[in-house]
N, C-alpha and C. Protein backbone atom coordinates (compact mmCIF):
# COMPACT_ATOMS: atom_id res chain seq x y z
N MET A 1 25.69 5.67 3.68
CA MET A 1 26.21 5.04 2.34
C MET A 1 25.03 5.49 1.19
N ARG A 2 25.70 6.33 0.38
CA ARG A 2 24.71 6.34 -0.61
C ARG A 2 24.37 5.58 -1.79
N PHE A 3 25.36 4.47 -2.00
CA PHE A 3 24.78 3.48 -2.83
C PHE A 3 23.80 2.58 -2.19
N ILE A 4 23.59 2.57 -0.94
CA ILE A 4 22.45 1.90 -0.32
C ILE A 4 21.23 2.47 -0.56
N GLU A 5 21.32 3.80 -0.53
CA GLU A 5 20.00 4.56 -0.35
C GLU A 5 19.54 4.59 -2.23
N ASN A 6 20.59 4.72 -2.93
CA ASN A 6 20.45 4.68 -4.12
C ASN A 6 19.51 3.19 -4.63
N ALA A 7 20.19 2.06 -3.94
CA ALA A 7 19.64 0.76 -4.40
C ALA A 7 18.10 0.71 -3.71
N VAL A 8 18.05 1.26 -2.71
CA VAL A 8 16.59 1.23 -2.31
C VAL A 8 15.57 1.96 -2.99
N MET A 9 16.06 3.09 -3.43
CA MET A 9 15.04 3.83 -4.55
C MET A 9 14.99 3.10 -5.66
N THR A 10 16.00 2.64 -6.10
CA THR A 10 15.74 1.77 -7.76
C THR A 10 14.92 0.64 -7.38
N VAL A 11 15.17 -0.05 -6.25
CA VAL A 11 14.00 -1.05 -5.91
C VAL A 11 12.61 -0.87 -5.71
N ALA A 12 12.45 0.77 -4.95
CA ALA A 12 11.03 1.10 -4.88
C ALA A 12 10.71 1.52 -6.28
N GLU A 13 11.26 1.88 -7.11
CA GLU A 13 11.01 2.41 -8.54
C GLU A 13 10.47 1.16 -9.45
N LEU A 14 11.58 -0.17 -9.12
CA LEU A 14 11.00 -1.40 -9.80
C LEU A 14 9.49 -2.12 -9.32
N MET A 15 9.61 -1.78 -7.99
CA MET A 15 8.16 -2.49 -7.36
C MET A 15 6.98 -1.65 -7.66
N CYS A 16 7.07 -0.40 -8.04
CA CYS A 16 6.06 0.38 -8.62
C CYS A 16 5.69 0.05 -10.00
N ALA A 17 6.91 -0.40 -10.76
CA ALA A 17 6.52 -0.87 -12.24
C ALA A 17 5.97 -2.52 -12.16
N ALA A 18 6.60 -3.12 -11.28
CA ALA A 18 6.07 -4.42 -11.20
C ALA A 18 4.39 -4.56 -10.63
N ALA A 19 3.97 -3.52 -9.91
CA ALA A 19 2.72 -3.33 -9.46
C ALA A 19 1.59 -2.76 -10.39
N VAL A 20 2.33 -1.95 -11.32
CA VAL A 20 1.54 -1.49 -12.48
C VAL A 20 1.26 -2.43 -13.68
N THR A 21 2.26 -3.27 -13.62
CA THR A 21 2.28 -4.49 -14.81
C THR A 21 1.77 -5.79 -14.23
N ALA A 22 1.09 -5.72 -13.04
CA ALA A 22 0.73 -7.08 -12.51
C ALA A 22 -0.57 -7.33 -13.39
N PRO A 23 -1.29 -8.65 -13.51
CA PRO A 23 -2.53 -8.68 -14.18
C PRO A 23 -3.67 -8.30 -13.39
N LYS A 24 -4.52 -7.65 -14.21
CA LYS A 24 -5.87 -7.00 -13.95
C LYS A 24 -7.05 -7.78 -14.37
N GLY A 25 -8.00 -7.75 -13.58
CA GLY A 25 -9.29 -8.25 -13.80
C GLY A 25 -9.84 -7.42 -15.21
N ARG A 26 -10.17 -8.02 -16.28
CA ARG A 26 -10.77 -7.35 -17.46
C ARG A 26 -9.69 -6.36 -18.17
N GLY A 27 -8.57 -6.59 -17.54
CA GLY A 27 -7.39 -5.60 -18.22
C GLY A 27 -7.61 -4.12 -17.81
N VAL A 28 -8.45 -3.90 -16.71
CA VAL A 28 -8.57 -2.54 -16.31
C VAL A 28 -7.58 -2.11 -15.21
N ASN A 29 -7.06 -0.99 -15.23
CA ASN A 29 -5.93 -0.53 -14.36
C ASN A 29 -6.53 0.41 -13.77
N LEU A 30 -7.01 0.25 -12.59
CA LEU A 30 -7.19 1.12 -11.33
C LEU A 30 -6.11 1.27 -10.22
N LEU A 31 -5.18 0.91 -10.52
CA LEU A 31 -4.05 1.33 -9.38
C LEU A 31 -3.46 2.64 -9.52
N TYR A 32 -2.92 2.89 -8.15
CA TYR A 32 -2.25 4.24 -8.00
C TYR A 32 -0.98 3.67 -7.28
N VAL A 33 0.07 4.15 -7.75
CA VAL A 33 1.31 3.95 -7.05
C VAL A 33 2.24 5.11 -6.81
N ASP A 34 2.87 5.22 -5.76
CA ASP A 34 3.72 6.38 -5.19
C ASP A 34 4.99 5.97 -4.20
N ILE A 35 5.87 6.71 -4.26
CA ILE A 35 6.78 6.48 -3.54
C ILE A 35 6.87 7.51 -2.35
N PHE A 36 6.75 7.35 -1.36
CA PHE A 36 7.07 8.42 -0.22
C PHE A 36 8.36 8.62 0.46
N THR A 37 9.15 9.65 0.52
CA THR A 37 10.46 9.63 1.10
C THR A 37 10.42 11.02 2.21
N GLY A 38 11.58 11.08 2.70
CA GLY A 38 11.90 12.51 3.59
C GLY A 38 10.58 12.97 4.41
N ASP A 39 10.28 14.20 4.30
CA ASP A 39 9.48 14.89 5.08
C ASP A 39 8.09 14.31 4.98
N ARG A 40 7.51 14.14 3.52
CA ARG A 40 6.31 13.65 3.28
C ARG A 40 6.08 12.21 4.00
N LYS A 41 6.91 11.27 3.79
CA LYS A 41 6.80 10.05 4.66
C LYS A 41 6.79 10.42 5.96
N ASP A 42 7.46 11.10 6.51
CA ASP A 42 7.61 11.31 8.14
C ASP A 42 6.07 11.85 8.58
N ARG A 43 5.53 12.81 7.50
CA ARG A 43 4.26 13.15 7.97
C ARG A 43 3.34 12.13 8.07
N VAL A 44 3.18 11.05 7.21
CA VAL A 44 2.45 10.15 7.34
C VAL A 44 2.64 9.21 8.30
N ALA A 45 3.81 8.98 8.81
CA ALA A 45 4.26 8.34 10.12
C ALA A 45 3.50 9.14 11.09
N GLU A 46 3.83 10.08 11.55
CA GLU A 46 3.45 10.93 12.49
C GLU A 46 1.81 10.85 12.59
N PHE A 47 1.26 11.02 11.43
CA PHE A 47 -0.24 10.77 11.60
C PHE A 47 -0.62 9.49 11.89
N MET A 48 0.16 8.32 11.55
CA MET A 48 -0.19 6.90 11.99
C MET A 48 -0.23 6.89 13.59
N ILE A 49 1.04 7.63 14.14
CA ILE A 49 1.24 7.34 15.59
C ILE A 49 0.17 8.21 16.13
N GLU A 50 -0.33 9.32 15.74
CA GLU A 50 -1.54 10.14 16.27
C GLU A 50 -2.62 9.22 16.23
N ILE A 51 -3.19 8.65 15.15
CA ILE A 51 -4.44 7.71 14.88
C ILE A 51 -4.18 6.63 16.11
N GLY A 52 -3.13 6.11 16.11
CA GLY A 52 -2.87 5.06 17.34
C GLY A 52 -2.84 5.54 18.48
N ARG A 53 -2.50 6.86 18.87
CA ARG A 53 -2.69 7.21 20.30
C ARG A 53 -4.26 7.73 20.53
N GLU A 54 -4.88 8.22 19.42
CA GLU A 54 -6.40 8.80 19.72
C GLU A 54 -7.16 7.65 19.76
N LYS A 55 -7.14 6.51 19.11
CA LYS A 55 -7.89 5.55 18.95
C LYS A 55 -7.50 4.23 19.66
N ASN A 56 -6.56 4.34 20.33
CA ASN A 56 -5.72 3.26 21.27
C ASN A 56 -5.50 2.21 20.28
N ILE A 57 -4.71 2.22 19.22
CA ILE A 57 -4.22 1.09 18.22
C ILE A 57 -2.84 1.14 18.25
N PRO A 58 -2.21 0.39 19.22
CA PRO A 58 -0.76 0.22 19.42
C PRO A 58 0.06 0.00 18.03
N PHE A 59 -0.38 -1.06 17.09
CA PHE A 59 0.20 -1.20 16.07
C PHE A 59 0.47 -0.06 15.00
N PHE A 60 -0.50 0.74 14.96
CA PHE A 60 -0.44 2.14 14.51
C PHE A 60 0.80 2.61 14.75
N ILE A 61 1.19 2.95 16.09
CA ILE A 61 2.29 3.63 16.61
C ILE A 61 3.62 2.94 16.16
N ARG A 62 3.49 1.59 16.64
CA ARG A 62 4.70 0.73 16.25
C ARG A 62 5.15 0.69 14.67
N ASP A 63 3.96 0.76 13.89
CA ASP A 63 4.29 0.68 12.56
C ASP A 63 4.69 2.30 12.17
N GLY A 64 4.31 3.12 12.68
CA GLY A 64 4.71 4.67 12.53
C GLY A 64 6.16 4.89 12.91
N LYS A 65 6.64 4.22 13.71
CA LYS A 65 8.01 4.17 14.10
C LYS A 65 8.79 3.45 13.30
N ASN A 66 8.29 2.40 12.72
CA ASN A 66 9.05 1.58 11.80
C ASN A 66 9.06 2.42 10.40
N VAL A 67 8.07 3.30 10.06
CA VAL A 67 8.25 4.15 8.82
C VAL A 67 9.26 5.09 8.97
N ILE A 68 9.33 5.76 10.32
CA ILE A 68 10.38 6.87 10.42
C ILE A 68 11.72 6.12 10.26
N ASP A 69 11.87 5.00 10.60
CA ASP A 69 13.12 4.37 10.52
C ASP A 69 13.46 3.83 9.13
N SER A 70 12.44 4.10 8.04
CA SER A 70 12.85 3.53 6.91
C SER A 70 13.07 4.68 5.86
N PRO A 71 14.13 4.38 4.90
CA PRO A 71 14.12 5.49 3.93
C PRO A 71 13.19 5.83 2.93
N VAL A 72 12.38 4.77 2.61
CA VAL A 72 11.35 4.95 1.50
C VAL A 72 9.98 4.17 1.95
N VAL A 73 8.95 4.40 1.31
CA VAL A 73 7.68 3.64 1.66
C VAL A 73 7.23 3.64 0.00
N VAL A 74 6.84 2.45 -0.25
CA VAL A 74 5.94 2.46 -1.53
C VAL A 74 4.48 2.23 -1.14
N PHE A 75 3.75 3.13 -1.92
CA PHE A 75 2.45 3.18 -1.59
C PHE A 75 1.78 2.38 -2.75
N ILE A 76 0.71 1.42 -2.80
CA ILE A 76 0.07 1.08 -3.73
C ILE A 76 -1.50 0.90 -3.24
N GLY A 77 -2.28 1.56 -4.09
CA GLY A 77 -3.74 1.79 -3.81
C GLY A 77 -4.39 1.58 -5.16
N THR A 78 -5.64 1.36 -4.78
CA THR A 78 -6.68 1.53 -5.93
C THR A 78 -7.99 2.24 -5.71
N LYS A 79 -8.45 2.73 -7.00
CA LYS A 79 -9.89 3.27 -7.16
C LYS A 79 -10.73 1.93 -6.97
N ILE A 80 -12.01 2.29 -6.79
CA ILE A 80 -13.03 1.30 -6.57
C ILE A 80 -14.02 1.72 -7.73
N ALA A 81 -14.15 0.80 -8.72
CA ALA A 81 -15.22 0.74 -9.66
C ALA A 81 -15.46 -0.54 -10.27
N PRO A 82 -16.65 -0.77 -10.24
CA PRO A 82 -17.16 -1.99 -10.85
C PRO A 82 -16.68 -2.37 -12.19
N ARG A 83 -16.26 -3.48 -12.47
CA ARG A 83 -16.06 -4.17 -13.80
C ARG A 83 -17.11 -4.30 -14.59
N ASN A 84 -18.39 -4.65 -14.05
CA ASN A 84 -19.38 -4.87 -15.00
C ASN A 84 -19.41 -6.24 -15.33
N VAL A 85 -19.03 -7.28 -14.67
CA VAL A 85 -18.83 -8.60 -14.99
C VAL A 85 -20.17 -9.19 -14.87
N PRO A 86 -20.67 -9.95 -15.84
CA PRO A 86 -22.10 -10.38 -15.84
C PRO A 86 -21.89 -11.70 -14.74
N ASN A 87 -23.08 -11.94 -14.06
CA ASN A 87 -23.33 -12.85 -12.99
C ASN A 87 -22.22 -12.92 -11.97
N CYS A 88 -21.64 -11.99 -11.45
CA CYS A 88 -20.44 -12.08 -10.62
C CYS A 88 -20.71 -12.07 -9.15
N GLY A 89 -21.22 -10.77 -8.52
CA GLY A 89 -21.73 -10.89 -7.15
C GLY A 89 -20.48 -11.14 -6.32
N PHE A 90 -19.38 -11.32 -6.43
CA PHE A 90 -18.17 -11.58 -5.47
C PHE A 90 -18.10 -10.46 -4.39
N CYS A 91 -18.51 -9.34 -4.59
CA CYS A 91 -18.64 -8.07 -3.70
C CYS A 91 -19.48 -8.46 -2.57
N GLY A 92 -20.71 -9.15 -2.80
CA GLY A 92 -21.76 -9.37 -1.86
C GLY A 92 -23.08 -9.03 -2.39
N ALA A 93 -23.10 -7.93 -3.46
CA ALA A 93 -24.04 -7.51 -4.02
C ALA A 93 -24.80 -8.41 -5.06
N LEU A 94 -26.07 -8.14 -5.69
CA LEU A 94 -26.35 -8.82 -6.82
C LEU A 94 -25.84 -8.65 -7.85
N ASN A 95 -25.37 -7.56 -8.17
CA ASN A 95 -24.82 -7.03 -9.49
C ASN A 95 -23.87 -5.53 -9.31
N CYS A 96 -23.33 -5.25 -10.34
CA CYS A 96 -22.46 -4.03 -10.20
C CYS A 96 -23.22 -2.77 -9.86
N ILE A 97 -24.37 -2.63 -10.46
CA ILE A 97 -25.49 -1.52 -10.27
C ILE A 97 -25.69 -1.62 -8.66
N ASP A 98 -26.21 -2.64 -8.33
CA ASP A 98 -26.70 -3.09 -6.68
C ASP A 98 -25.42 -2.76 -6.10
N SER A 99 -24.21 -3.02 -6.44
CA SER A 99 -23.01 -2.53 -5.61
C SER A 99 -22.73 -1.36 -5.56
N VAL A 100 -22.87 -0.53 -6.58
CA VAL A 100 -22.57 1.03 -6.49
C VAL A 100 -23.79 1.58 -5.59
N LYS A 101 -24.85 1.17 -5.66
CA LYS A 101 -26.02 1.71 -4.60
C LYS A 101 -25.64 1.54 -3.33
N LYS A 102 -25.27 0.15 -2.88
CA LYS A 102 -24.93 -0.11 -1.64
C LYS A 102 -23.51 0.46 -1.28
N GLY A 103 -22.73 0.88 -1.82
CA GLY A 103 -21.33 1.44 -1.58
C GLY A 103 -20.37 0.32 -1.57
N PHE A 104 -20.59 -0.70 -2.10
CA PHE A 104 -19.59 -2.04 -1.91
C PHE A 104 -18.25 -1.79 -2.69
N TYR A 105 -17.42 -2.46 -2.23
CA TYR A 105 -16.08 -2.22 -3.16
C TYR A 105 -16.08 -3.53 -3.95
N CYS A 106 -15.50 -3.40 -5.46
CA CYS A 106 -15.34 -4.18 -6.24
C CYS A 106 -14.37 -5.10 -5.73
N ALA A 107 -14.91 -6.47 -5.88
CA ALA A 107 -13.79 -7.71 -5.56
C ALA A 107 -12.67 -7.71 -6.36
N TYR A 108 -13.07 -7.32 -7.73
CA TYR A 108 -12.04 -7.27 -8.66
C TYR A 108 -10.95 -6.32 -8.42
N ALA A 109 -11.30 -5.06 -8.20
CA ALA A 109 -10.60 -4.20 -7.68
C ALA A 109 -9.55 -4.51 -6.40
N ILE A 110 -10.12 -5.03 -5.42
CA ILE A 110 -9.49 -5.56 -4.24
C ILE A 110 -8.36 -6.56 -4.45
N GLY A 111 -8.86 -7.59 -5.53
CA GLY A 111 -8.14 -8.55 -5.93
C GLY A 111 -6.74 -8.23 -6.69
N ASP A 112 -6.96 -7.10 -7.43
CA ASP A 112 -5.96 -6.57 -8.23
C ASP A 112 -4.84 -6.31 -7.23
N LEU A 113 -5.53 -5.14 -6.43
CA LEU A 113 -4.34 -4.78 -5.59
C LEU A 113 -3.91 -5.65 -4.95
N GLY A 114 -4.28 -7.01 -4.49
CA GLY A 114 -3.57 -7.75 -3.54
C GLY A 114 -2.27 -8.32 -4.34
N ILE A 115 -2.87 -8.76 -5.79
CA ILE A 115 -1.87 -9.29 -6.87
C ILE A 115 -0.84 -8.38 -6.97
N ALA A 116 -1.14 -6.85 -7.16
CA ALA A 116 -0.01 -5.78 -7.35
C ALA A 116 0.76 -5.73 -6.04
N VAL A 117 0.33 -5.85 -5.03
CA VAL A 117 1.13 -5.66 -3.69
C VAL A 117 2.15 -7.04 -3.92
N GLY A 118 1.75 -8.32 -4.21
CA GLY A 118 2.23 -9.41 -3.98
C GLY A 118 3.51 -9.14 -5.16
N SER A 119 3.01 -8.77 -6.27
CA SER A 119 4.23 -8.54 -7.30
C SER A 119 5.29 -7.48 -6.81
N ALA A 120 4.81 -6.53 -6.18
CA ALA A 120 6.19 -5.58 -5.72
C ALA A 120 6.68 -6.00 -4.65
N VAL A 121 6.13 -6.79 -3.73
CA VAL A 121 7.28 -7.15 -2.54
C VAL A 121 8.14 -8.40 -3.16
N SER A 122 7.44 -9.21 -4.16
CA SER A 122 8.48 -10.03 -4.68
C SER A 122 9.74 -9.42 -5.31
N VAL A 123 9.45 -8.15 -5.81
CA VAL A 123 10.63 -7.57 -6.29
C VAL A 123 11.59 -7.06 -5.03
N ALA A 124 11.16 -6.68 -4.08
CA ALA A 124 11.80 -6.35 -2.98
C ALA A 124 12.83 -7.49 -2.36
N ALA A 125 11.84 -8.62 -2.19
CA ALA A 125 12.78 -9.84 -1.79
C ALA A 125 13.86 -10.47 -2.72
N ASP A 126 13.44 -10.21 -4.20
CA ASP A 126 14.37 -10.69 -4.99
C ASP A 126 15.70 -9.77 -4.98
N HIS A 127 15.66 -8.59 -4.47
CA HIS A 127 16.73 -7.92 -4.20
C HIS A 127 17.31 -7.62 -2.94
N ARG A 128 16.61 -8.51 -1.94
CA ARG A 128 17.13 -8.70 -0.63
C ARG A 128 17.03 -7.17 0.30
N ILE A 129 15.99 -6.70 -0.02
CA ILE A 129 15.61 -5.36 0.81
C ILE A 129 14.58 -5.76 1.64
N ASP A 130 14.61 -5.42 3.04
CA ASP A 130 13.72 -5.68 4.02
C ASP A 130 12.51 -4.85 3.95
N ASN A 131 11.36 -5.50 3.97
CA ASN A 131 10.11 -4.81 3.74
C ASN A 131 8.86 -5.22 4.58
N ARG A 132 7.88 -4.61 4.64
CA ARG A 132 6.72 -5.20 5.38
C ARG A 132 5.66 -4.51 4.69
N ILE A 133 4.55 -5.31 4.54
CA ILE A 133 3.11 -4.67 4.11
C ILE A 133 2.40 -4.17 5.13
N MET A 134 1.97 -2.89 5.10
CA MET A 134 1.28 -2.08 6.37
C MET A 134 -0.01 -1.40 5.72
N PHE A 135 -1.10 -2.20 6.30
CA PHE A 135 -2.54 -1.54 6.22
C PHE A 135 -2.20 -0.19 6.78
N SER A 136 -1.71 -0.23 7.94
CA SER A 136 -1.69 1.14 9.03
C SER A 136 -1.08 2.32 7.96
N PHE A 137 -0.17 2.19 7.00
CA PHE A 137 0.42 3.18 6.34
C PHE A 137 -0.61 3.61 5.23
N GLY A 138 -1.27 2.36 4.88
CA GLY A 138 -2.44 2.96 3.82
C GLY A 138 -3.47 3.55 4.08
N LYS A 139 -4.05 3.28 5.40
CA LYS A 139 -5.08 3.80 5.82
C LYS A 139 -4.63 5.38 6.33
N ALA A 140 -3.65 5.47 6.71
CA ALA A 140 -3.13 6.53 7.13
C ALA A 140 -2.99 7.61 6.02
N ALA A 141 -2.38 7.35 5.04
CA ALA A 141 -2.23 7.95 3.61
C ALA A 141 -3.50 8.56 3.11
N ILE A 142 -4.23 7.52 3.30
CA ILE A 142 -5.79 7.93 2.63
C ILE A 142 -6.82 8.60 3.47
N GLU A 143 -6.64 8.41 4.95
CA GLU A 143 -7.31 9.19 6.07
C GLU A 143 -6.69 10.88 5.86
N GLY A 144 -5.70 10.79 5.90
CA GLY A 144 -4.95 12.07 5.70
C GLY A 144 -4.65 12.93 4.60
N ARG A 145 -5.11 12.08 3.28
CA ARG A 145 -5.42 12.98 2.16
C ARG A 145 -3.86 13.20 1.54
N PHE A 146 -2.97 12.28 1.92
CA PHE A 146 -1.74 12.11 1.08
C PHE A 146 -1.70 11.67 -0.42
N ILE A 147 -2.79 11.47 -0.75
CA ILE A 147 -2.91 10.64 -2.17
C ILE A 147 -4.20 10.96 -2.66
N PRO A 148 -4.31 10.77 -3.79
CA PRO A 148 -5.66 11.43 -4.29
C PRO A 148 -6.87 10.79 -3.85
N GLU A 149 -7.87 11.60 -3.77
CA GLU A 149 -9.12 11.42 -3.29
C GLU A 149 -9.80 10.04 -3.52
N GLU A 150 -9.50 9.86 -4.75
CA GLU A 150 -10.25 8.66 -5.41
C GLU A 150 -9.97 7.36 -5.17
N ILE A 151 -8.63 7.31 -4.43
CA ILE A 151 -8.07 6.00 -3.78
C ILE A 151 -8.58 5.76 -2.63
N LYS A 152 -9.32 4.56 -2.66
CA LYS A 152 -10.14 4.00 -1.51
C LYS A 152 -9.39 3.09 -0.48
N VAL A 153 -8.69 2.19 -1.00
CA VAL A 153 -7.90 0.99 -0.31
C VAL A 153 -6.27 1.04 -0.73
N GLY A 154 -5.65 0.96 0.10
CA GLY A 154 -4.13 1.16 -0.11
C GLY A 154 -3.26 0.50 0.73
N TYR A 155 -2.06 0.04 0.56
CA TYR A 155 -1.18 -0.58 1.64
C TYR A 155 0.04 0.46 1.32
N GLY A 156 0.96 0.47 2.34
CA GLY A 156 2.38 0.98 2.39
C GLY A 156 3.24 0.09 2.45
N ILE A 157 4.46 0.09 1.84
CA ILE A 157 5.56 -1.15 2.07
C ILE A 157 6.74 -0.32 2.42
N PRO A 158 6.96 -0.09 3.69
CA PRO A 158 8.41 0.79 3.85
C PRO A 158 9.70 -0.35 3.49
N LEU A 159 10.66 0.24 3.32
CA LEU A 159 11.91 -0.49 2.71
C LEU A 159 12.83 -0.07 3.64
N SER A 160 13.69 -1.22 4.17
CA SER A 160 15.09 -0.77 4.77
C SER A 160 15.99 -1.67 4.27
N VAL A 161 17.37 -1.37 4.29
CA VAL A 161 18.73 -2.11 4.47
C VAL A 161 19.27 -1.82 5.94
N SER A 162 19.64 -3.02 6.50
CA SER A 162 20.29 -3.07 7.75
C SER A 162 20.88 -4.35 8.19
N GLY A 163 21.43 -4.43 9.06
CA GLY A 163 22.13 -5.77 9.47
C GLY A 163 21.26 -6.70 10.00
N LYS A 164 19.77 -6.30 10.52
CA LYS A 164 18.81 -7.05 10.70
C LYS A 164 17.63 -6.32 10.55
N SER A 165 16.69 -7.03 10.07
CA SER A 165 15.57 -6.29 9.67
C SER A 165 14.50 -5.79 10.76
N ILE A 166 14.50 -4.26 10.58
CA ILE A 166 13.66 -3.55 11.45
C ILE A 166 12.19 -3.96 11.76
N PHE A 167 11.67 -4.77 10.74
CA PHE A 167 10.25 -5.17 10.70
C PHE A 167 9.86 -6.28 11.29
N PHE A 168 11.03 -7.04 12.09
CA PHE A 168 10.69 -8.21 12.82
C PHE A 168 11.17 -8.03 14.12
N ASP A 169 10.59 -8.92 14.94
CA ASP A 169 10.98 -8.78 16.57
C ASP A 169 10.48 -7.43 17.07
N ARG A 170 9.42 -6.95 16.60
CA ARG A 170 8.93 -5.84 17.09
C ARG A 170 8.00 -5.82 18.25
N LYS A 171 7.63 -5.05 18.94
CA LYS A 171 7.01 -5.33 20.38
C LYS A 171 5.39 -4.53 20.05
């Protein structure tokens, strides 16, 4: 049904817009959004399954199968760059200079990512498109270099329309 495919892609695009326009610390946008479909999506799914088998992580295998069964996956990730907020230390370092030296991830970047993901999935929910936030897709997309190298943390959000959500009652 072509109209369902069109609806899912439209919602994926709206999700990306919601993520990009979500509030950000100090107004700095470090987000990266992308839409995975077809062979590109399936290559990430296959890599997820491979990671699951090699490292004995069953949920990577389960999630990879869900991605194969989903027509679209929205990826939302972030670069990691300190915001130079005085007297912060939320990342665990003394300050941003110390954070960079220690290789810590800026708490604002991670927080902004969470807000963006929440904004995106609310769009999917508002349009009654089944979805699931997947660390496993994000990790595989980053590890497999399916997205730009400067993106260090991200999540995949597969979308599906069916009589029953494929993302629940999973084994």
